[in-house]
Amino acid sequence: MRAYPRGVAIEFAEELKSLHQTMQNIWAVSQPEVLREKIADLSEQASAPNLWDDPDAAQAITSELSHVQAELGHLEKMAARIDDLQALVELGEEEADSEVLADAARELDEVKTALAALEVRTLLAGEYDDRHAVVTIRAGAGGVDAADFAEMLLRMYLRWAENHGYPTAVLDTSYAEEAGIKSATFEVKAPYAYGTLSVEGGTHRLVRLSPFDNQGRRQTSFAAVEVIPLIETTDHIDIPESDLKVDVFRSSGPGGQSVNTTDSAVRMTHLPTGIVVSMQNEKSQIQNRAAALRVLQSRLLLLQREAENAEKKKLAGDVKASWGDQMRSYVLHPYQMVKDLRTDYEVGNTQAVFDGDIDGFINAGIRWRRHHD
C-alpha cells in the first residue's frame, strides 16, 4: 500500500473539524430535544382511541407527527454520517490504504453538499416558512415568447418538486392563444415549501433566439413568479367568554308581538369586532345560544380568511414582470448562462436548470436573504 500523503491527512482533519462545527451549530438551532418532546406529545395524541372522530384534526396531527419525525431523522442521520466519515478516514490513515481514503474523499464531498443544504434549512425560521407553498407564474412583457417562457418556468418548478418527491397540484392554468400560458397556479405540498421557494419570487428574464420569429431574431421576455404560504384555517374558532356579550329577550313575531312568554331569544355581540348575531328560531334559550354561537363562529372564520388573504397579498408583494425588478436572467443566446442578479450565483448548464436543478439558486437565495433581512 502507498503511504498516505501527510498534507492530505491534515486537509482531512481540517475538513472534518469544519463539518463537526457546522453540525454542532445546526444541532443547536434545530433543538432536537424540543423535537423529541413534540414527537412524544403528537404520538400520544395520535394514539388516542377517538382520534378519527374528527378526521380533519386527525389528519393534521398525523401529518405534523410525520413531518417532525422526518426533521429529527434528517438531523440524526447527518450526525451519524459525519461520525462514519471520521471513522473511515481514521481507518484509511491507520492502514495507509489509498482506496479507503479515496472513498473517504468522495464521501466528504457528498457530506459537505448535504450538510450545506441542511444548514440552509435552519435559516428558514420565518412565521410562515414551514407552510406549504402556492406558486403563481404570469407571462409578462414579450408576447408569445413570454407565454412560452412562463410555461418553461412552470415545468421547471414542477420538475424540481418531482425531483425532491414533493407532491404538487396545479390549481389553475390559463393558456395563451398561440403557445405557452398566460398564467398558472400550483401548490407544493411539503413542509417548508414556502420558506424554500419564497426566494424564487420576482421577475425572471429570458434572452434567446425566438422560435416564434420568422427571422430568428433575439428576443427578451419576462415572467413573474409569485410565492405565497398556504395559510391554515380551521372550521371552528374558539371564542373566549370574555369576548362575548349575551342579551336575552322574548321572541317577537309579525308586528312586534311577543310569540312566547319566556326570554328565549338571544342576541350575541362579539366585543372585539362588534359583530352582532340574534337568534330566536329555536324553542329554548340554550338552543338559540348554541345556534347564535355557530353563526358567529362562521362569520369570524370568514373575517379571518379575508385577513389572511390580505396578509398573503402583502407577503407576495407586487411583481410586475418588467426590467425594474428582475431577479434572475436566463440567457440562451449568444451564450448559455443562468444568473441570479441578487446573489451572483450562476450556472452554465441551462438545460439542467430548466429540468429542475435549481437547488443552488434556492440555497444561495436563502443565505442572501438572511444577510439582507
Protein backbone atom coordinates (compact mmCIF):
# COMPACT_ATOMS: atom_id res chain seq x y z
CA MET A 1 0.00 0.00 0.00
CA ARG A 2 1.10 3.53 -0.76
CA ALA A 3 1.75 5.85 2.15
CA TYR A 4 -0.96 8.47 2.69
CA PRO A 5 0.41 11.97 1.98
CA ARG A 6 0.82 13.95 5.20
CA GLY A 7 -0.54 17.15 3.68
CA VAL A 8 -3.76 15.42 2.59
CA ALA A 9 -4.21 13.97 6.09
CA ILE A 10 -4.02 17.46 7.55
CA GLU A 11 -6.59 18.64 5.00
CA PHE A 12 -8.93 15.80 6.02
CA ALA A 13 -8.55 16.80 9.67
CA GLU A 14 -9.44 20.40 8.91
CA GLU A 15 -12.42 19.41 6.77
CA LEU A 16 -13.76 17.07 9.47
CA LYS A 17 -13.33 19.74 12.14
CA SER A 18 -15.32 22.14 9.98
CA LEU A 19 -18.08 19.54 9.41
CA HIS A 20 -18.39 18.84 13.14
CA GLN A 21 -18.57 22.57 13.92
CA THR A 22 -21.26 23.16 11.30
CA MET A 23 -23.26 20.17 12.55
CA GLN A 24 -22.95 21.46 16.11
CA ASN A 25 -24.35 24.82 15.03
CA ILE A 26 -27.23 23.15 13.17
CA TRP A 27 -27.91 20.94 16.19
CA ALA A 28 -28.11 23.98 18.47
CA VAL A 29 -30.51 25.86 16.18
CA SER A 30 -32.72 22.85 15.46
CA GLN A 31 -33.15 21.92 19.15
CA PRO A 32 -33.55 18.13 18.77
CA GLU A 33 -34.71 17.77 22.39
CA VAL A 34 -37.65 20.05 21.63
CA LEU A 35 -38.38 17.95 18.52
CA ARG A 36 -38.34 14.76 20.61
CA GLU A 37 -40.75 16.28 23.13
CA LYS A 38 -43.01 17.34 20.28
CA ILE A 39 -42.90 13.83 18.79
CA ALA A 40 -43.83 12.32 22.17
CA ASP A 41 -46.77 14.72 22.55
CA LEU A 42 -48.03 14.19 18.98
CA SER A 43 -47.60 10.40 19.29
CA GLU A 44 -49.77 10.45 22.40
CA GLN A 45 -52.43 12.45 20.58
CA ALA A 46 -52.21 10.14 17.56
CA SER A 47 -52.75 7.06 19.74
CA ALA A 48 -56.00 8.37 21.24
CA PRO A 49 -58.86 5.91 20.59
CA ASN A 50 -61.20 8.67 19.44
CA LEU A 51 -58.60 10.29 17.15
CA TRP A 52 -60.56 9.80 13.94
CA ASP A 53 -63.82 11.10 15.36
CA ASP A 54 -62.62 14.38 13.87
CA PRO A 55 -60.94 13.42 10.56
CA ASP A 56 -59.57 16.91 9.86
CA ALA A 57 -57.93 17.20 13.27
CA ALA A 58 -56.61 13.63 12.99
CA GLN A 59 -55.08 14.36 9.60
CA ALA A 60 -53.39 17.48 10.96
CA ILE A 61 -51.94 15.58 13.94
CA THR A 62 -50.62 12.62 11.94
CA SER A 63 -49.22 14.88 9.23
CA GLU A 64 -47.39 17.08 11.73
CA LEU A 65 -46.06 13.99 13.51
CA SER A 66 -44.68 12.64 10.26
CA HIS A 67 -43.04 15.98 9.44
CA VAL A 68 -41.38 16.37 12.86
CA GLN A 69 -40.14 12.77 12.82
CA ALA A 70 -38.62 13.34 9.37
CA GLU A 71 -36.94 16.55 10.55
CA LEU A 72 -35.35 14.82 13.54
CA GLY A 73 -34.41 11.87 11.34
CA HIS A 74 -32.52 14.16 8.93
CA LEU A 75 -30.52 15.62 11.82
CA GLU A 76 -29.64 12.26 13.36
CA LYS A 77 -28.69 10.68 10.03
CA MET A 78 -26.41 13.58 9.16
CA ALA A 79 -24.67 13.45 12.55
CA ALA A 80 -24.18 9.68 12.15
CA ARG A 81 -22.88 10.15 8.61
CA ILE A 82 -20.21 12.59 9.79
CA ASP A 83 -19.16 10.16 12.55
CA ASP A 84 -18.94 7.33 9.99
CA LEU A 85 -16.81 9.52 7.74
CA GLN A 86 -14.49 10.25 10.66
CA ALA A 87 -14.10 6.51 11.29
CA LEU A 88 -13.46 5.86 7.59
CA VAL A 89 -10.70 8.49 7.49
CA GLU A 90 -9.08 7.09 10.65
CA LEU A 91 -9.15 3.58 9.18
CA GLY A 92 -7.57 4.75 5.94
CA GLU A 93 -4.86 6.64 7.79
CA GLU A 94 -4.05 3.73 10.11
CA GLU A 95 -3.84 1.25 7.25
CA ALA A 96 -2.32 3.75 4.79
CA ASP A 97 -4.99 2.45 2.39
CA SER A 98 -5.31 4.76 -0.59
CA GLU A 99 -8.56 3.11 -1.79
CA VAL A 100 -10.26 3.65 1.57
CA LEU A 101 -9.06 7.24 1.61
CA ALA A 102 -10.31 7.77 -1.92
CA ASP A 103 -13.73 6.53 -0.77
CA ALA A 104 -13.49 8.91 2.18
CA ALA A 105 -12.71 11.82 -0.15
CA ARG A 106 -15.80 11.07 -2.26
CA GLU A 107 -17.96 10.74 0.84
CA LEU A 108 -16.53 14.00 2.17
CA ASP A 109 -17.72 15.87 -0.93
CA GLU A 110 -21.21 14.34 -0.66
CA VAL A 111 -21.47 15.07 3.07
CA LYS A 112 -20.40 18.70 2.54
CA THR A 113 -23.14 19.17 -0.07
CA ALA A 114 -25.81 17.51 2.09
CA LEU A 115 -24.73 19.43 5.19
CA ALA A 116 -24.85 22.75 3.32
CA ALA A 117 -28.45 22.01 2.30
CA LEU A 118 -29.33 21.09 5.90
CA GLU A 119 -27.69 24.28 7.14
CA VAL A 120 -29.82 26.34 4.75
CA ARG A 121 -32.92 24.65 6.16
CA THR A 122 -32.07 26.01 9.62
CA LEU A 123 -32.27 29.54 8.17
CA LEU A 124 -35.97 29.06 7.46
CA ALA A 125 -37.37 30.49 10.66
CA GLY A 126 -39.96 32.94 9.33
CA GLU A 127 -43.55 32.89 10.58
CA TYR A 128 -44.85 31.07 7.51
CA ASP A 129 -41.68 29.31 6.33
CA ASP A 130 -42.85 25.84 7.39
CA ARG A 131 -46.07 26.05 5.36
CA HIS A 132 -46.96 24.57 2.00
CA ALA A 133 -46.44 26.95 -0.93
CA VAL A 134 -48.79 28.30 -3.57
CA VAL A 135 -46.88 29.49 -6.62
CA THR A 136 -48.31 31.61 -9.43
CA ILE A 137 -46.44 32.25 -12.68
CA ARG A 138 -47.60 35.00 -15.04
CA ALA A 139 -46.33 35.85 -18.50
CA GLY A 140 -45.05 39.41 -18.69
CA ALA A 141 -43.66 41.57 -21.48
CA GLY A 142 -42.54 39.70 -24.58
CA GLY A 143 -45.68 38.42 -26.28
CA VAL A 144 -45.76 34.77 -27.28
CA ASP A 145 -42.15 34.29 -26.13
CA ALA A 146 -43.15 35.39 -22.64
CA ALA A 147 -46.07 32.95 -22.60
CA ASP A 148 -43.72 30.17 -23.69
CA PHE A 149 -41.19 31.22 -21.03
CA ALA A 150 -43.90 31.11 -18.35
CA GLU A 151 -44.67 27.52 -19.34
CA MET A 152 -40.94 26.67 -19.21
CA LEU A 153 -40.80 28.01 -15.65
CA LEU A 154 -43.90 26.04 -14.68
CA ARG A 155 -42.25 22.85 -15.94
CA MET A 156 -39.00 23.80 -14.14
CA TYR A 157 -40.67 24.15 -10.74
CA LEU A 158 -42.83 21.05 -11.15
CA ARG A 159 -39.71 19.06 -12.11
CA TRP A 160 -37.87 20.49 -9.08
CA ALA A 161 -40.68 19.33 -6.81
CA GLU A 162 -40.79 15.93 -8.51
CA ASN A 163 -37.02 15.51 -8.05
CA HIS A 164 -37.48 16.05 -4.31
CA GLY A 165 -40.55 13.85 -4.03
CA TYR A 166 -42.81 16.78 -3.14
CA PRO A 167 -46.47 16.35 -4.16
CA THR A 168 -47.86 19.13 -6.33
CA ALA A 169 -51.30 20.13 -7.54
CA VAL A 170 -51.90 22.51 -10.44
CA LEU A 171 -54.85 24.60 -9.31
CA ASP A 172 -55.39 26.81 -12.33
CA THR A 173 -53.94 27.26 -15.83
CA SER A 174 -54.78 29.98 -18.34
CA TYR A 175 -53.41 29.07 -21.76
CA ALA A 176 -52.18 31.64 -24.27
CA GLU A 177 -53.63 31.67 -27.78
CA GLU A 178 -50.54 30.77 -29.82
CA ALA A 179 -48.27 28.93 -27.36
CA GLY A 180 -47.46 28.74 -23.68
CA ILE A 181 -49.54 30.05 -20.80
CA LYS A 182 -50.81 33.40 -19.62
CA SER A 183 -50.66 32.20 -16.03
CA ALA A 184 -50.66 29.10 -13.84
CA THR A 185 -51.07 28.47 -10.13
CA PHE A 186 -49.91 25.34 -8.36
CA GLU A 187 -49.42 24.12 -4.81
CA VAL A 188 -46.32 22.39 -3.44
CA LYS A 189 -47.41 20.17 -0.56
CA ALA A 190 -44.29 19.79 1.54
CA PRO A 191 -43.03 21.12 4.88
CA TYR A 192 -41.04 24.34 4.43
CA ALA A 193 -42.08 24.60 0.78
CA TYR A 194 -42.96 28.28 1.26
CA GLY A 195 -39.74 29.17 3.06
CA THR A 196 -37.73 27.33 0.42
CA LEU A 197 -39.47 28.71 -2.66
CA SER A 198 -40.16 32.21 -1.36
CA VAL A 199 -36.75 33.37 -2.65
CA GLU A 200 -37.94 32.49 -6.18
CA GLY A 201 -40.48 35.30 -6.14
CA GLY A 202 -39.77 38.13 -8.54
CA THR A 203 -39.25 38.79 -12.24
CA HIS A 204 -37.41 36.23 -14.37
CA ARG A 205 -35.91 37.26 -17.73
CA LEU A 206 -35.23 35.07 -20.77
CA VAL A 207 -32.91 36.03 -23.64
CA ARG A 208 -32.87 33.72 -26.69
CA LEU A 209 -33.32 33.44 -30.43
CA SER A 210 -37.08 33.40 -30.70
CA PRO A 211 -38.56 30.18 -32.12
CA PHE A 212 -41.68 32.24 -32.92
CA ASP A 213 -39.87 34.87 -35.04
CA ASN A 214 -39.67 34.10 -38.76
CA GLN A 215 -36.32 35.89 -38.93
CA GLY A 216 -34.94 34.14 -35.82
CA ARG A 217 -34.13 37.39 -34.04
CA ARG A 218 -33.05 37.57 -30.42
CA GLN A 219 -35.95 38.19 -28.07
CA THR A 220 -36.07 39.27 -24.44
CA SER A 221 -39.15 38.23 -22.49
CA PHE A 222 -40.27 38.29 -18.88
CA ALA A 223 -42.33 36.24 -16.46
CA ALA A 224 -43.36 36.96 -12.88
CA VAL A 225 -43.20 34.36 -10.11
CA GLU A 226 -45.30 34.91 -7.00
CA VAL A 227 -44.94 32.64 -3.96
CA ILE A 228 -47.33 32.75 -1.00
CA PRO A 229 -47.80 30.46 2.00
CA LEU A 230 -50.82 28.21 2.27
CA ILE A 231 -52.26 29.64 5.48
CA GLU A 232 -54.05 27.03 7.55
CA THR A 233 -57.59 27.68 8.67
CA THR A 234 -59.87 25.62 10.86
CA ASP A 235 -63.59 25.01 10.64
CA HIS A 236 -64.01 26.06 14.24
CA ILE A 237 -62.96 29.15 16.15
CA ASP A 238 -62.72 29.21 19.92
CA ILE A 239 -64.25 32.37 21.34
CA PRO A 240 -63.38 33.32 24.93
CA GLU A 241 -66.44 34.03 27.06
CA SER A 242 -64.90 37.39 27.97
CA ASP A 243 -65.21 38.40 24.29
CA LEU A 244 -68.98 37.86 24.29
CA LYS A 245 -71.90 39.95 25.49
CA VAL A 246 -75.11 37.92 25.55
CA ASP A 247 -78.57 39.51 25.93
CA VAL A 248 -81.79 37.55 26.20
CA PHE A 249 -85.27 38.77 25.28
CA ARG A 250 -88.66 37.49 24.30
CA SER A 251 -89.09 36.26 20.76
CA SER A 252 -91.24 38.51 18.62
CA GLY A 253 -93.47 37.76 15.67
CA PRO A 254 -95.07 39.88 12.93
CA GLY A 255 -95.86 43.41 14.09
CA GLY A 256 -93.59 43.05 17.09
CA GLN A 257 -95.97 40.87 19.02
CA SER A 258 -94.48 38.51 21.55
CA VAL A 259 -94.77 34.88 20.44
CA ASN A 260 -93.87 33.33 23.79
CA THR A 261 -93.84 34.32 27.42
CA THR A 262 -90.19 33.43 28.22
CA ASP A 263 -86.90 35.19 27.48
CA SER A 264 -85.70 32.57 24.98
CA ALA A 265 -84.30 34.78 22.19
CA VAL A 266 -80.57 35.54 22.26
CA ARG A 267 -78.57 38.50 21.00
CA MET A 268 -74.84 37.74 20.95
CA THR A 269 -72.26 40.52 20.47
CA HIS A 270 -68.60 39.78 19.73
CA LEU A 271 -66.91 42.66 21.57
CA PRO A 272 -63.55 42.73 19.69
CA THR A 273 -65.19 43.02 16.26
CA GLY A 274 -68.64 44.40 17.06
CA ILE A 275 -70.36 41.58 15.13
CA VAL A 276 -73.90 41.01 16.40
CA VAL A 277 -75.93 37.84 15.91
CA SER A 278 -79.54 37.43 17.01
CA MET A 279 -81.31 34.09 17.16
CA GLN A 280 -84.91 33.38 18.12
CA ASN A 281 -85.97 30.50 15.89
CA GLU A 282 -85.27 27.76 18.43
CA LYS A 283 -87.65 26.99 21.28
CA SER A 284 -85.24 27.34 24.20
CA GLN A 285 -82.64 29.90 25.22
CA ILE A 286 -79.95 27.19 25.24
CA GLN A 287 -80.76 26.18 21.66
CA ASN A 288 -80.81 29.79 20.47
CA ARG A 289 -77.50 30.48 22.21
CA ALA A 290 -75.88 27.45 20.52
CA ALA A 291 -77.26 28.48 17.13
CA ALA A 292 -76.06 32.08 17.57
CA LEU A 293 -72.59 30.85 18.53
CA ARG A 294 -72.38 28.71 15.38
CA VAL A 295 -73.36 31.67 13.18
CA LEU A 296 -70.90 33.94 14.98
CA GLN A 297 -68.10 31.39 14.51
CA SER A 298 -68.89 31.20 10.79
CA ARG A 299 -68.74 34.98 10.43
CA LEU A 300 -65.47 35.19 12.36
CA LEU A 301 -63.98 32.43 10.19
CA LEU A 302 -64.92 34.39 7.08
CA LEU A 303 -63.37 37.53 8.60
CA GLN A 304 -60.22 35.56 9.41
CA ARG A 305 -59.92 34.29 5.84
CA GLU A 306 -60.30 37.81 4.47
CA ALA A 307 -57.50 38.97 6.79
CA GLU A 308 -55.33 36.03 5.68
CA ASN A 309 -55.89 36.89 2.04
CA ALA A 310 -54.74 40.45 2.75
CA GLU A 311 -51.67 39.05 4.51
CA LYS A 312 -50.94 36.77 1.54
CA LYS A 313 -51.01 39.75 -0.83
CA LYS A 314 -48.63 41.64 1.44
CA LEU A 315 -46.28 38.64 1.60
CA ALA A 316 -46.37 38.08 -2.15
CA GLY A 317 -45.65 41.72 -2.96
CA ASP A 318 -46.39 43.40 -6.26
CA VAL A 319 -44.45 41.63 -9.02
CA LYS A 320 -44.74 43.47 -12.34
CA ALA A 321 -42.58 41.25 -14.62
CA SER A 322 -40.53 44.02 -16.20
CA TRP A 323 -36.96 45.37 -16.27
CA GLY A 324 -37.25 47.14 -12.93
CA ASP A 325 -37.48 44.23 -10.51
CA GLN A 326 -35.84 41.33 -12.34
CA MET A 327 -34.04 38.87 -10.09
CA ARG A 328 -32.79 36.16 -12.46
CA SER A 329 -31.63 36.09 -16.05
CA TYR A 330 -31.75 33.03 -18.32
CA VAL A 331 -29.55 33.60 -21.38
CA LEU A 332 -29.63 31.02 -24.20
CA HIS A 333 -28.01 33.25 -26.86
CA PRO A 334 -25.31 34.35 -27.63
CA TYR A 335 -24.00 32.26 -24.70
CA GLN A 336 -25.54 29.83 -22.19
CA MET A 337 -25.91 31.15 -18.66
CA VAL A 338 -28.45 31.38 -15.85
CA LYS A 339 -27.52 34.02 -13.29
CA ASP A 340 -29.22 35.28 -10.16
CA LEU A 341 -28.83 39.04 -10.08
CA ARG A 342 -29.08 39.27 -6.28
CA THR A 343 -26.61 36.58 -5.24
CA ASP A 344 -24.44 36.44 -8.40
CA TYR A 345 -24.86 32.65 -8.32
CA GLU A 346 -24.63 31.37 -11.90
CA VAL A 347 -24.77 28.11 -13.86
CA GLY A 348 -23.69 27.40 -17.42
CA ASN A 349 -25.85 24.27 -17.90
CA THR A 350 -29.13 25.98 -18.78
CA GLN A 351 -30.90 22.74 -19.74
CA ALA A 352 -30.26 21.27 -16.28
CA VAL A 353 -31.80 24.38 -14.72
CA PHE A 354 -34.93 24.15 -16.86
CA ASP A 355 -35.08 20.45 -15.90
CA GLY A 356 -35.48 21.48 -12.26
CA ASP A 357 -31.90 21.64 -10.99
CA ILE A 358 -32.34 24.91 -9.08
CA ASP A 359 -31.26 23.98 -5.54
CA GLY A 360 -28.06 26.01 -5.92
CA PHE A 361 -30.08 29.14 -6.73
CA ILE A 362 -32.53 28.49 -3.88
CA ASN A 363 -29.82 27.88 -1.28
CA ALA A 364 -27.88 30.95 -2.37
CA GLY A 365 -31.10 32.98 -2.24
CA ILE A 366 -31.93 31.84 1.30
CA ARG A 367 -28.44 32.71 2.52
CA TRP A 368 -28.61 36.09 0.74
CA ARG A 369 -31.97 36.87 2.30
CA ARG A 370 -30.68 36.02 5.77
CA HIS A 371 -27.89 38.57 5.38
CA HIS A 372 -30.21 41.25 3.97
CA ASP A 373 -33.15 40.91 6.37
